[in-house]
N, C-alpha and C. Protein backbone atom coordinates (compact mmCIF):
# COMPACT_ATOMS: atom_id res chain seq x y z
N MET A 1 0.84 -1.21 0.00
CA MET A 1 0.00 0.00 0.00
C MET A 1 0.87 1.26 0.00
N ARG A 2 1.96 1.23 0.78
CA ARG A 2 2.85 2.39 0.83
C ARG A 2 3.46 2.66 -0.55
N ALA A 3 3.84 1.60 -1.25
CA ALA A 3 4.44 1.77 -2.58
C ALA A 3 3.45 2.45 -3.54
N VAL A 4 2.18 2.08 -3.42
CA VAL A 4 1.14 2.70 -4.25
C VAL A 4 1.01 4.17 -3.91
N ASN A 5 1.03 4.48 -2.62
CA ASN A 5 0.93 5.87 -2.17
C ASN A 5 2.11 6.70 -2.67
N VAL A 6 3.31 6.11 -2.65
CA VAL A 6 4.50 6.82 -3.12
C VAL A 6 4.40 7.10 -4.62
N PHE A 7 3.88 6.13 -5.38
CA PHE A 7 3.70 6.31 -6.83
C PHE A 7 2.68 7.42 -7.10
N ILE A 8 1.55 7.38 -6.39
CA ILE A 8 0.51 8.40 -6.56
C ILE A 8 1.07 9.77 -6.18
N LYS A 9 1.89 9.79 -5.13
CA LYS A 9 2.51 11.05 -4.67
C LYS A 9 3.34 11.67 -5.79
N ARG A 10 4.11 10.86 -6.51
CA ARG A 10 4.96 11.38 -7.59
C ARG A 10 4.10 11.90 -8.74
N VAL A 11 3.02 11.21 -9.05
CA VAL A 11 2.12 11.66 -10.11
C VAL A 11 1.49 13.00 -9.73
N VAL A 12 1.05 13.10 -8.47
CA VAL A 12 0.46 14.35 -7.98
C VAL A 12 1.50 15.47 -8.02
N ASP A 13 2.73 15.15 -7.64
CA ASP A 13 3.82 16.14 -7.68
C ASP A 13 4.00 16.70 -9.08
N LEU A 14 4.08 15.81 -10.06
CA LEU A 14 4.31 16.23 -11.44
C LEU A 14 3.16 17.07 -11.98
N LEU A 15 1.95 16.53 -11.84
CA LEU A 15 0.77 17.24 -12.34
C LEU A 15 0.57 18.56 -11.61
N GLY A 16 0.69 18.51 -10.29
CA GLY A 16 0.46 19.71 -9.48
C GLY A 16 1.46 20.81 -9.78
N SER A 17 2.75 20.45 -9.90
CA SER A 17 3.77 21.46 -10.14
C SER A 17 3.71 22.02 -11.56
N ILE A 18 3.42 21.16 -12.55
CA ILE A 18 3.33 21.64 -13.93
C ILE A 18 2.11 22.53 -14.13
N ILE A 19 0.95 22.03 -13.71
CA ILE A 19 -0.29 22.81 -13.86
C ILE A 19 -0.25 24.07 -13.02
N GLY A 20 0.22 23.91 -11.76
CA GLY A 20 0.31 25.07 -10.87
C GLY A 20 1.27 26.11 -11.40
N GLY A 21 2.41 25.66 -11.94
CA GLY A 21 3.39 26.58 -12.48
C GLY A 21 2.86 27.38 -13.66
N ILE A 22 2.08 26.71 -14.51
CA ILE A 22 1.48 27.39 -15.67
C ILE A 22 0.46 28.44 -15.21
N ILE A 23 -0.37 28.07 -14.24
CA ILE A 23 -1.42 28.97 -13.76
C ILE A 23 -0.84 30.22 -13.12
N ILE A 24 0.21 30.05 -12.31
CA ILE A 24 0.76 31.20 -11.58
C ILE A 24 1.93 31.86 -12.31
N SER A 25 2.24 31.43 -13.53
CA SER A 25 3.39 31.98 -14.25
C SER A 25 3.36 33.52 -14.37
N PRO A 26 2.19 34.16 -14.63
CA PRO A 26 2.19 35.63 -14.67
C PRO A 26 2.60 36.24 -13.32
N PHE A 27 2.17 35.62 -12.24
CA PHE A 27 2.50 36.09 -10.90
C PHE A 27 4.00 35.92 -10.64
N LEU A 28 4.56 34.80 -11.09
CA LEU A 28 6.00 34.55 -10.93
C LEU A 28 6.81 35.60 -11.69
N LEU A 29 6.32 35.98 -12.86
CA LEU A 29 7.00 36.98 -13.67
C LEU A 29 7.01 38.34 -12.98
N ILE A 30 5.88 38.68 -12.35
CA ILE A 30 5.78 39.96 -11.63
C ILE A 30 6.77 39.98 -10.47
N ILE A 31 6.85 38.87 -9.71
CA ILE A 31 7.79 38.79 -8.59
C ILE A 31 9.22 38.94 -9.09
N ALA A 32 9.54 38.25 -10.19
CA ALA A 32 10.89 38.31 -10.76
C ALA A 32 11.25 39.74 -11.15
N LEU A 33 10.31 40.46 -11.77
CA LEU A 33 10.55 41.84 -12.18
C LEU A 33 10.77 42.75 -10.97
N LEU A 34 9.97 42.55 -9.92
CA LEU A 34 10.11 43.37 -8.71
C LEU A 34 11.47 43.16 -8.06
N ILE A 35 11.93 41.93 -8.03
CA ILE A 35 13.24 41.64 -7.44
C ILE A 35 14.34 42.33 -8.25
N LYS A 36 14.24 42.20 -9.57
CA LYS A 36 15.27 42.75 -10.46
C LYS A 36 15.30 44.28 -10.40
N LEU A 37 14.13 44.90 -10.26
CA LEU A 37 14.05 46.36 -10.29
C LEU A 37 14.40 47.02 -8.96
N THR A 38 14.33 46.25 -7.87
CA THR A 38 14.51 46.87 -6.55
C THR A 38 15.83 46.52 -5.85
N SER A 39 16.59 45.59 -6.39
CA SER A 39 17.88 45.25 -5.77
C SER A 39 18.84 44.66 -6.79
N LYS A 40 20.13 44.87 -6.54
CA LYS A 40 21.14 44.35 -7.44
C LYS A 40 21.35 42.86 -7.22
N GLY A 41 21.53 42.13 -8.32
CA GLY A 41 21.80 40.71 -8.20
C GLY A 41 20.82 39.87 -8.99
N PRO A 42 20.99 38.56 -8.98
CA PRO A 42 20.11 37.67 -9.75
C PRO A 42 18.71 37.56 -9.15
N VAL A 43 17.77 37.12 -9.93
CA VAL A 43 16.40 36.92 -9.46
C VAL A 43 16.32 35.72 -8.53
N PHE A 44 17.06 34.68 -8.87
CA PHE A 44 16.99 33.42 -8.11
C PHE A 44 18.19 33.22 -7.19
N PHE A 45 17.95 32.52 -6.12
CA PHE A 45 18.98 32.14 -5.16
C PHE A 45 19.12 30.63 -5.22
N LYS A 46 20.34 30.16 -5.45
CA LYS A 46 20.60 28.72 -5.50
C LYS A 46 21.47 28.33 -4.31
N GLN A 47 21.16 27.19 -3.74
CA GLN A 47 21.93 26.73 -2.58
C GLN A 47 21.92 25.21 -2.54
N GLN A 48 23.04 24.62 -2.19
CA GLN A 48 23.11 23.16 -2.09
C GLN A 48 22.32 22.68 -0.88
N ARG A 49 21.55 21.63 -1.07
CA ARG A 49 20.76 21.02 0.00
C ARG A 49 20.91 19.51 -0.02
N LEU A 50 20.59 18.89 1.11
CA LEU A 50 20.59 17.43 1.20
C LEU A 50 19.20 16.91 0.82
N GLY A 51 19.15 16.02 -0.17
CA GLY A 51 17.89 15.45 -0.61
C GLY A 51 17.71 14.02 -0.18
N LYS A 52 16.91 13.29 -0.92
CA LYS A 52 16.63 11.88 -0.61
C LYS A 52 17.92 11.08 -0.56
N ASP A 53 18.04 10.27 0.49
CA ASP A 53 19.22 9.42 0.70
C ASP A 53 20.53 10.21 0.78
N GLY A 54 20.43 11.49 1.15
CA GLY A 54 21.62 12.30 1.33
C GLY A 54 22.21 12.85 0.04
N LYS A 55 21.49 12.70 -1.07
CA LYS A 55 21.98 13.23 -2.35
C LYS A 55 21.92 14.76 -2.32
N ILE A 56 23.00 15.40 -2.76
CA ILE A 56 23.06 16.87 -2.79
C ILE A 56 22.48 17.40 -4.10
N PHE A 57 21.63 18.42 -3.99
CA PHE A 57 21.06 19.07 -5.17
C PHE A 57 21.01 20.57 -4.92
N ASN A 58 20.76 21.33 -5.97
CA ASN A 58 20.65 22.79 -5.86
C ASN A 58 19.19 23.20 -5.76
N ILE A 59 18.83 23.80 -4.64
CA ILE A 59 17.46 24.26 -4.45
C ILE A 59 17.32 25.66 -5.05
N LEU A 60 16.13 25.96 -5.56
CA LEU A 60 15.85 27.27 -6.16
C LEU A 60 14.89 28.06 -5.27
N LYS A 61 15.19 29.33 -5.09
CA LYS A 61 14.29 30.25 -4.39
C LYS A 61 14.36 31.60 -5.09
N PHE A 62 13.33 32.41 -4.89
CA PHE A 62 13.47 33.80 -5.28
C PHE A 62 14.44 34.43 -4.28
N ARG A 63 15.35 35.26 -4.78
CA ARG A 63 16.32 35.90 -3.89
C ARG A 63 15.62 36.92 -2.99
N THR A 64 15.80 36.79 -1.69
CA THR A 64 15.17 37.69 -0.73
C THR A 64 16.19 38.53 0.04
N MET A 65 17.46 38.26 -0.18
CA MET A 65 18.51 38.96 0.56
C MET A 65 19.54 39.53 -0.41
N VAL A 66 20.42 40.36 0.11
CA VAL A 66 21.47 40.92 -0.73
C VAL A 66 22.40 39.79 -1.17
N VAL A 67 23.11 40.02 -2.26
CA VAL A 67 24.04 39.02 -2.77
C VAL A 67 25.12 38.72 -1.74
N ASN A 68 25.47 37.44 -1.60
CA ASN A 68 26.53 36.99 -0.68
C ASN A 68 26.13 37.15 0.78
N ALA A 69 24.83 37.14 1.06
CA ALA A 69 24.33 37.37 2.43
C ALA A 69 24.87 36.37 3.44
N GLU A 70 25.11 35.12 3.01
CA GLU A 70 25.57 34.10 3.96
C GLU A 70 26.99 34.39 4.47
N ASN A 71 27.69 35.32 3.83
CA ASN A 71 29.04 35.69 4.28
C ASN A 71 29.08 37.07 4.92
N ILE A 72 27.88 37.59 5.27
CA ILE A 72 27.77 38.91 5.89
C ILE A 72 27.00 38.80 7.21
N GLY A 73 27.33 39.61 8.17
CA GLY A 73 26.56 39.67 9.43
C GLY A 73 26.52 38.35 10.16
N ASP A 74 25.30 37.84 10.40
CA ASP A 74 25.12 36.59 11.14
C ASP A 74 25.32 35.35 10.27
N GLY A 75 25.80 35.55 9.06
CA GLY A 75 26.10 34.41 8.19
C GLY A 75 24.85 33.63 7.81
N LEU A 76 24.87 32.33 8.11
CA LEU A 76 23.76 31.45 7.74
C LEU A 76 22.48 31.79 8.51
N PHE A 77 22.62 32.40 9.68
CA PHE A 77 21.46 32.62 10.54
C PHE A 77 20.72 33.93 10.24
N VAL A 78 19.38 33.83 10.26
CA VAL A 78 18.50 34.99 10.09
C VAL A 78 17.58 35.00 11.30
N LYS A 79 17.89 35.85 12.28
CA LYS A 79 17.19 35.79 13.56
C LYS A 79 15.98 36.71 13.66
N THR A 80 15.87 37.66 12.73
CA THR A 80 14.76 38.60 12.79
C THR A 80 14.42 39.13 11.41
N GLY A 81 13.17 39.53 11.24
CA GLY A 81 12.74 40.10 9.97
C GLY A 81 13.34 41.47 9.71
N GLN A 82 14.00 42.04 10.73
CA GLN A 82 14.63 43.35 10.59
C GLN A 82 16.09 43.22 10.14
N ASP A 83 16.54 42.01 9.86
CA ASP A 83 17.90 41.79 9.35
C ASP A 83 18.11 42.66 8.12
N ASN A 84 19.12 43.54 8.15
CA ASN A 84 19.29 44.49 7.05
C ASN A 84 19.80 43.85 5.76
N ARG A 85 20.05 42.56 5.79
CA ARG A 85 20.44 41.86 4.56
C ARG A 85 19.21 41.50 3.72
N ILE A 86 18.03 41.52 4.34
CA ILE A 86 16.79 41.19 3.63
C ILE A 86 16.33 42.40 2.83
N THR A 87 16.00 42.20 1.57
CA THR A 87 15.54 43.31 0.72
C THR A 87 14.09 43.64 1.05
N LYS A 88 13.61 44.78 0.55
CA LYS A 88 12.22 45.18 0.80
C LYS A 88 11.24 44.17 0.22
N VAL A 89 11.46 43.77 -1.01
CA VAL A 89 10.60 42.75 -1.63
C VAL A 89 10.79 41.42 -0.91
N GLY A 90 12.02 41.14 -0.52
CA GLY A 90 12.33 39.89 0.15
C GLY A 90 11.59 39.71 1.46
N LYS A 91 11.39 40.81 2.19
CA LYS A 91 10.67 40.75 3.47
C LYS A 91 9.24 40.23 3.26
N PHE A 92 8.59 40.71 2.20
CA PHE A 92 7.23 40.25 1.88
C PHE A 92 7.25 38.79 1.42
N LEU A 93 8.20 38.46 0.57
CA LEU A 93 8.28 37.10 0.04
C LEU A 93 8.54 36.07 1.14
N ARG A 94 9.44 36.41 2.06
CA ARG A 94 9.76 35.49 3.16
C ARG A 94 8.58 35.35 4.11
N GLY A 95 7.89 36.47 4.39
CA GLY A 95 6.75 36.45 5.30
C GLY A 95 5.59 35.61 4.80
N THR A 96 5.46 35.50 3.48
CA THR A 96 4.36 34.74 2.88
C THR A 96 4.82 33.40 2.30
N SER A 97 6.13 33.13 2.41
CA SER A 97 6.74 31.91 1.85
C SER A 97 6.66 31.84 0.33
N LEU A 98 6.38 32.97 -0.32
CA LEU A 98 6.31 32.98 -1.78
C LEU A 98 7.69 32.84 -2.41
N ASP A 99 8.73 33.05 -1.62
CA ASP A 99 10.09 32.85 -2.15
C ASP A 99 10.36 31.39 -2.50
N GLU A 100 9.52 30.48 -1.99
CA GLU A 100 9.71 29.05 -2.23
C GLU A 100 9.14 28.58 -3.58
N LEU A 101 8.34 29.42 -4.25
CA LEU A 101 7.64 28.98 -5.46
C LEU A 101 8.53 28.44 -6.58
N PRO A 102 9.75 28.97 -6.79
CA PRO A 102 10.60 28.40 -7.84
C PRO A 102 10.95 26.92 -7.63
N GLN A 103 10.71 26.43 -6.41
CA GLN A 103 11.00 25.03 -6.15
C GLN A 103 10.04 24.09 -6.88
N LEU A 104 9.03 24.65 -7.52
CA LEU A 104 8.18 23.83 -8.40
C LEU A 104 9.05 23.16 -9.46
N TRP A 105 10.12 23.87 -9.88
CA TRP A 105 11.04 23.27 -10.85
C TRP A 105 11.80 22.11 -10.22
N ASN A 106 12.19 22.25 -8.95
CA ASN A 106 12.86 21.15 -8.25
C ASN A 106 11.96 19.92 -8.16
N VAL A 107 10.66 20.18 -8.00
CA VAL A 107 9.69 19.07 -7.93
C VAL A 107 9.61 18.37 -9.29
N ILE A 108 9.49 19.15 -10.36
CA ILE A 108 9.43 18.58 -11.71
C ILE A 108 10.69 17.77 -12.01
N ALA A 109 11.84 18.29 -11.58
CA ALA A 109 13.12 17.62 -11.84
C ALA A 109 13.29 16.34 -11.03
N GLY A 110 12.45 16.15 -10.01
CA GLY A 110 12.53 14.94 -9.21
C GLY A 110 13.39 15.04 -7.98
N ASP A 111 13.93 16.24 -7.69
CA ASP A 111 14.75 16.44 -6.49
C ASP A 111 13.89 16.64 -5.25
N MET A 112 12.67 17.16 -5.46
CA MET A 112 11.80 17.47 -4.35
C MET A 112 10.38 16.99 -4.60
N SER A 113 9.57 17.10 -3.56
CA SER A 113 8.14 16.78 -3.63
C SER A 113 7.38 18.02 -3.16
N LEU A 114 6.08 18.06 -3.41
CA LEU A 114 5.29 19.17 -2.88
C LEU A 114 5.27 19.13 -1.36
N VAL A 115 5.24 17.91 -0.80
CA VAL A 115 5.19 17.73 0.66
C VAL A 115 6.29 16.78 1.10
N GLY A 116 6.99 17.14 2.15
CA GLY A 116 8.05 16.29 2.68
C GLY A 116 8.90 17.08 3.66
N PRO A 117 9.88 16.45 4.29
CA PRO A 117 10.78 17.18 5.19
C PRO A 117 11.54 18.26 4.43
N ARG A 118 11.72 19.43 5.01
CA ARG A 118 12.48 20.48 4.34
C ARG A 118 13.95 20.06 4.24
N PRO A 119 14.60 20.33 3.11
CA PRO A 119 15.99 19.89 2.93
C PRO A 119 16.99 20.83 3.60
N PRO A 120 17.83 20.33 4.50
CA PRO A 120 18.83 21.18 5.15
C PRO A 120 20.04 21.37 4.25
N VAL A 121 20.87 22.34 4.59
CA VAL A 121 22.13 22.49 3.87
C VAL A 121 23.03 21.32 4.27
N PRO A 122 24.02 20.96 3.45
CA PRO A 122 24.83 19.76 3.72
C PRO A 122 25.64 19.79 5.01
N TYR A 123 25.87 20.98 5.57
CA TYR A 123 26.74 21.09 6.74
C TYR A 123 26.02 21.58 7.99
N HIS A 124 24.69 21.76 7.92
CA HIS A 124 23.95 22.26 9.08
C HIS A 124 22.51 21.71 9.08
N PRO A 125 21.99 21.17 10.20
CA PRO A 125 22.62 21.14 11.52
C PRO A 125 23.72 20.08 11.65
N TYR A 126 23.72 19.09 10.73
CA TYR A 126 24.76 18.07 10.72
C TYR A 126 25.15 17.75 9.28
N ARG A 127 26.30 17.12 9.12
CA ARG A 127 26.63 16.52 7.84
C ARG A 127 25.87 15.20 7.77
N TYR A 128 25.63 14.69 6.56
CA TYR A 128 24.76 13.52 6.40
C TYR A 128 25.22 12.34 7.25
N ASP A 129 26.53 12.09 7.29
CA ASP A 129 27.01 10.93 8.04
C ASP A 129 27.01 11.15 9.55
N GLU A 130 26.66 12.36 9.98
CA GLU A 130 26.59 12.66 11.42
C GLU A 130 25.19 12.48 12.00
N TYR A 131 24.19 12.33 11.12
CA TYR A 131 22.83 12.07 11.60
C TYR A 131 22.77 10.64 12.17
N SER A 132 22.01 10.46 13.23
CA SER A 132 21.83 9.11 13.78
C SER A 132 20.97 8.29 12.82
N ASP A 133 20.92 6.97 13.03
CA ASP A 133 20.10 6.10 12.17
C ASP A 133 18.64 6.54 12.21
N PHE A 134 18.16 6.93 13.41
CA PHE A 134 16.78 7.40 13.55
C PHE A 134 16.57 8.68 12.76
N GLN A 135 17.48 9.64 12.93
CA GLN A 135 17.35 10.93 12.25
C GLN A 135 17.44 10.79 10.73
N ARG A 136 18.22 9.82 10.27
CA ARG A 136 18.44 9.65 8.84
C ARG A 136 17.18 9.17 8.13
N LYS A 137 16.19 8.72 8.90
CA LYS A 137 14.92 8.29 8.30
C LYS A 137 14.24 9.44 7.56
N ARG A 138 14.51 10.68 7.99
CA ARG A 138 13.89 11.85 7.33
C ARG A 138 14.32 11.98 5.88
N PHE A 139 15.43 11.30 5.52
CA PHE A 139 15.94 11.36 4.15
C PHE A 139 15.46 10.18 3.29
N GLU A 140 14.53 9.39 3.82
CA GLU A 140 14.02 8.25 3.07
C GLU A 140 13.00 8.67 2.01
N MET A 141 12.53 9.91 2.10
CA MET A 141 11.60 10.44 1.11
C MET A 141 12.15 11.74 0.55
N ARG A 142 11.67 12.12 -0.63
CA ARG A 142 12.12 13.38 -1.22
C ARG A 142 11.74 14.54 -0.30
N PRO A 143 12.61 15.53 -0.18
CA PRO A 143 12.28 16.72 0.63
C PRO A 143 11.13 17.48 -0.02
N GLY A 144 10.42 18.27 0.79
CA GLY A 144 9.24 18.95 0.27
C GLY A 144 9.31 20.47 0.28
N MET A 145 8.45 21.09 -0.53
CA MET A 145 8.30 22.55 -0.50
C MET A 145 7.67 22.96 0.82
N THR A 146 6.84 22.09 1.35
CA THR A 146 6.25 22.28 2.67
C THR A 146 6.22 20.92 3.35
N GLY A 147 5.92 20.91 4.64
CA GLY A 147 5.92 19.64 5.34
C GLY A 147 5.21 19.71 6.67
N LEU A 148 5.17 18.59 7.37
CA LEU A 148 4.49 18.52 8.66
C LEU A 148 5.12 19.49 9.66
N THR A 149 6.43 19.59 9.64
CA THR A 149 7.12 20.52 10.55
C THR A 149 6.70 21.96 10.29
N GLN A 150 6.55 22.33 9.01
CA GLN A 150 6.22 23.72 8.65
C GLN A 150 4.81 24.11 9.07
N VAL A 151 3.89 23.15 9.17
CA VAL A 151 2.52 23.49 9.55
C VAL A 151 2.23 23.20 11.02
N THR A 152 3.27 22.76 11.74
CA THR A 152 3.10 22.51 13.18
C THR A 152 4.08 23.36 13.98
N VAL A 153 5.29 22.85 14.21
CA VAL A 153 6.23 23.55 15.08
C VAL A 153 7.05 24.62 14.38
N ARG A 154 7.23 24.49 13.07
CA ARG A 154 8.07 25.37 12.26
C ARG A 154 9.41 25.62 12.95
N ASN A 155 9.74 26.90 13.29
CA ASN A 155 11.05 27.19 13.88
C ASN A 155 10.98 27.43 15.39
N SER A 156 9.87 27.03 16.01
CA SER A 156 9.69 27.31 17.43
C SER A 156 10.44 26.32 18.32
N VAL A 157 11.00 25.26 17.73
CA VAL A 157 11.72 24.25 18.50
C VAL A 157 13.10 24.03 17.88
N PRO A 158 14.05 23.46 18.63
CA PRO A 158 15.39 23.18 18.10
C PRO A 158 15.34 22.17 16.94
N TRP A 159 16.44 22.10 16.20
CA TRP A 159 16.52 21.23 15.03
C TRP A 159 16.20 19.78 15.35
N ASP A 160 16.71 19.26 16.46
CA ASP A 160 16.48 17.84 16.78
C ASP A 160 15.00 17.54 16.95
N GLU A 161 14.24 18.51 17.49
CA GLU A 161 12.80 18.34 17.63
C GLU A 161 12.12 18.36 16.26
N ARG A 162 12.57 19.25 15.39
CA ARG A 162 12.01 19.32 14.04
C ARG A 162 12.28 18.02 13.29
N ILE A 163 13.46 17.46 13.48
CA ILE A 163 13.81 16.20 12.82
C ILE A 163 12.87 15.08 13.27
N ARG A 164 12.52 15.08 14.56
CA ARG A 164 11.59 14.06 15.08
C ARG A 164 10.22 14.18 14.40
N VAL A 165 9.78 15.41 14.15
CA VAL A 165 8.51 15.62 13.45
C VAL A 165 8.64 15.12 12.01
N ASP A 166 9.79 15.38 11.38
CA ASP A 166 10.03 14.91 10.00
C ASP A 166 9.96 13.39 9.93
N VAL A 167 10.58 12.73 10.90
CA VAL A 167 10.57 11.26 10.93
C VAL A 167 9.15 10.74 11.13
N LYS A 168 8.39 11.43 11.98
CA LYS A 168 6.99 11.06 12.20
C LYS A 168 6.22 11.11 10.89
N TYR A 169 6.49 12.16 10.07
CA TYR A 169 5.83 12.28 8.77
C TYR A 169 6.19 11.10 7.88
N VAL A 170 7.47 10.78 7.79
CA VAL A 170 7.93 9.69 6.91
C VAL A 170 7.30 8.37 7.34
N GLU A 171 7.24 8.13 8.63
CA GLU A 171 6.72 6.85 9.14
C GLU A 171 5.20 6.74 8.96
N ASN A 172 4.51 7.88 8.93
CA ASN A 172 3.04 7.86 8.84
C ASN A 172 2.53 8.40 7.51
N PHE A 173 3.41 8.48 6.51
CA PHE A 173 3.05 9.06 5.22
C PHE A 173 1.82 8.41 4.58
N SER A 174 0.96 9.27 4.03
CA SER A 174 -0.17 8.82 3.20
C SER A 174 -0.56 10.01 2.32
N ILE A 175 -1.25 9.74 1.24
CA ILE A 175 -1.71 10.82 0.37
C ILE A 175 -2.65 11.75 1.12
N TRP A 176 -3.48 11.19 1.97
CA TRP A 176 -4.42 12.00 2.74
C TRP A 176 -3.68 12.96 3.67
N LEU A 177 -2.58 12.49 4.28
CA LEU A 177 -1.79 13.35 5.15
C LEU A 177 -1.18 14.49 4.32
N ASP A 178 -0.69 14.19 3.13
CA ASP A 178 -0.15 15.23 2.24
C ASP A 178 -1.19 16.30 1.92
N ILE A 179 -2.41 15.85 1.63
CA ILE A 179 -3.49 16.79 1.29
C ILE A 179 -3.77 17.72 2.47
N LYS A 180 -3.81 17.16 3.67
CA LYS A 180 -4.07 17.97 4.86
C LYS A 180 -2.94 19.00 5.07
N ILE A 181 -1.70 18.59 4.85
CA ILE A 181 -0.56 19.50 5.02
C ILE A 181 -0.62 20.63 3.98
N LEU A 182 -0.99 20.30 2.75
CA LEU A 182 -1.09 21.32 1.70
C LEU A 182 -2.15 22.36 2.04
N PHE A 183 -3.31 21.90 2.55
CA PHE A 183 -4.37 22.84 2.92
C PHE A 183 -3.93 23.73 4.09
N LYS A 184 -3.24 23.13 5.07
CA LYS A 184 -2.76 23.91 6.21
C LYS A 184 -1.70 24.92 5.78
N THR A 185 -0.90 24.55 4.78
CA THR A 185 0.12 25.46 4.26
C THR A 185 -0.52 26.69 3.64
N VAL A 186 -1.56 26.48 2.84
CA VAL A 186 -2.27 27.60 2.21
C VAL A 186 -2.84 28.53 3.27
N LYS A 187 -3.40 27.96 4.34
CA LYS A 187 -3.96 28.78 5.42
C LYS A 187 -2.87 29.61 6.09
N LYS A 188 -1.70 29.02 6.28
CA LYS A 188 -0.61 29.72 6.96
C LYS A 188 -0.06 30.88 6.13
N ILE A 189 -0.13 30.77 4.80
CA ILE A 189 0.35 31.83 3.93
C ILE A 189 -0.43 33.12 4.19
N PHE A 190 -1.72 32.97 4.48
CA PHE A 190 -2.58 34.15 4.68
C PHE A 190 -2.70 34.55 6.15
N ARG A 191 -2.00 33.82 7.03
CA ARG A 191 -2.05 34.14 8.46
C ARG A 191 -0.76 34.83 8.86
N LYS A 192 -0.89 35.98 9.49
CA LYS A 192 0.29 36.77 9.89
C LYS A 192 0.93 36.12 11.11
N GLU A 193 2.16 35.58 10.94
CA GLU A 193 2.87 35.03 12.08
C GLU A 193 4.37 35.11 11.83
N SER A 194 5.14 35.15 12.89
CA SER A 194 6.59 35.25 12.75
C SER A 194 7.19 33.94 12.26
N ILE A 195 8.13 34.04 11.31
CA ILE A 195 8.80 32.84 10.82
C ILE A 195 10.19 32.74 11.43
N TYR A 196 10.51 33.64 12.38
CA TYR A 196 11.85 33.69 12.91
C TYR A 196 11.94 33.20 14.34
N SER A 197 13.10 32.68 14.69
CA SER A 197 13.42 32.30 16.06
C SER A 197 14.93 32.34 16.17
N GLN A 198 15.44 32.06 17.33
CA GLN A 198 16.89 32.09 17.52
C GLN A 198 17.59 31.01 16.69
N SER A 199 16.85 30.00 16.25
CA SER A 199 17.47 28.94 15.48
C SER A 199 17.16 29.05 13.99
N GLU A 200 16.52 30.13 13.60
CA GLU A 200 16.16 30.31 12.18
C GLU A 200 17.42 30.44 11.33
N ASP A 201 17.46 29.79 10.18
CA ASP A 201 18.60 29.92 9.29
C ASP A 201 18.16 29.77 7.84
N MET A 202 19.07 29.99 6.93
CA MET A 202 18.77 29.97 5.51
C MET A 202 18.42 28.59 4.98
N SER A 203 18.64 27.56 5.78
CA SER A 203 18.38 26.20 5.31
C SER A 203 16.92 25.80 5.46
N VAL A 204 16.13 26.65 6.12
CA VAL A 204 14.73 26.32 6.34
C VAL A 204 13.90 26.51 5.07
């Protein structure tokens, strides 16, 4: 039954990302133009992430910070929305999670899923071989644009707690659970809440 659910999940990922991408393409173009017109640098931000089974891939996001931000100020960490590395357009995009939309391409390419554990950077919070056997279960499925952690605890708990939620998702995965997470994600986009904490970083 799980194998069937995984197959259906991939079909939903492909159809959802292709159809969704076509529908929102004018909106994506507007965002791209706003980024280009209001700050220097590329429209997209690329960063290496750990994917399924620890495979490294390049994640795509709309750029929300100044170029080379990870080597300025607090480096990888973004502790507040007032961080002066965040651009004016970027503040809105990060607050609504719209900066994640380019990851629809990652889904089409097969590196990601619409729903799954968020992919961390290869060196934080751990390197792949430093995760325990239990923690490594979070890498048994493709990482997602959104996930159980994002609609529950998000950044309010330390990384190890978030990993436990990710493992819970992997162990209890079903198409119905994915649907519920997607609906909760849409609700959160329109709900004003802080996405920052002392443990917030660019890998989220």
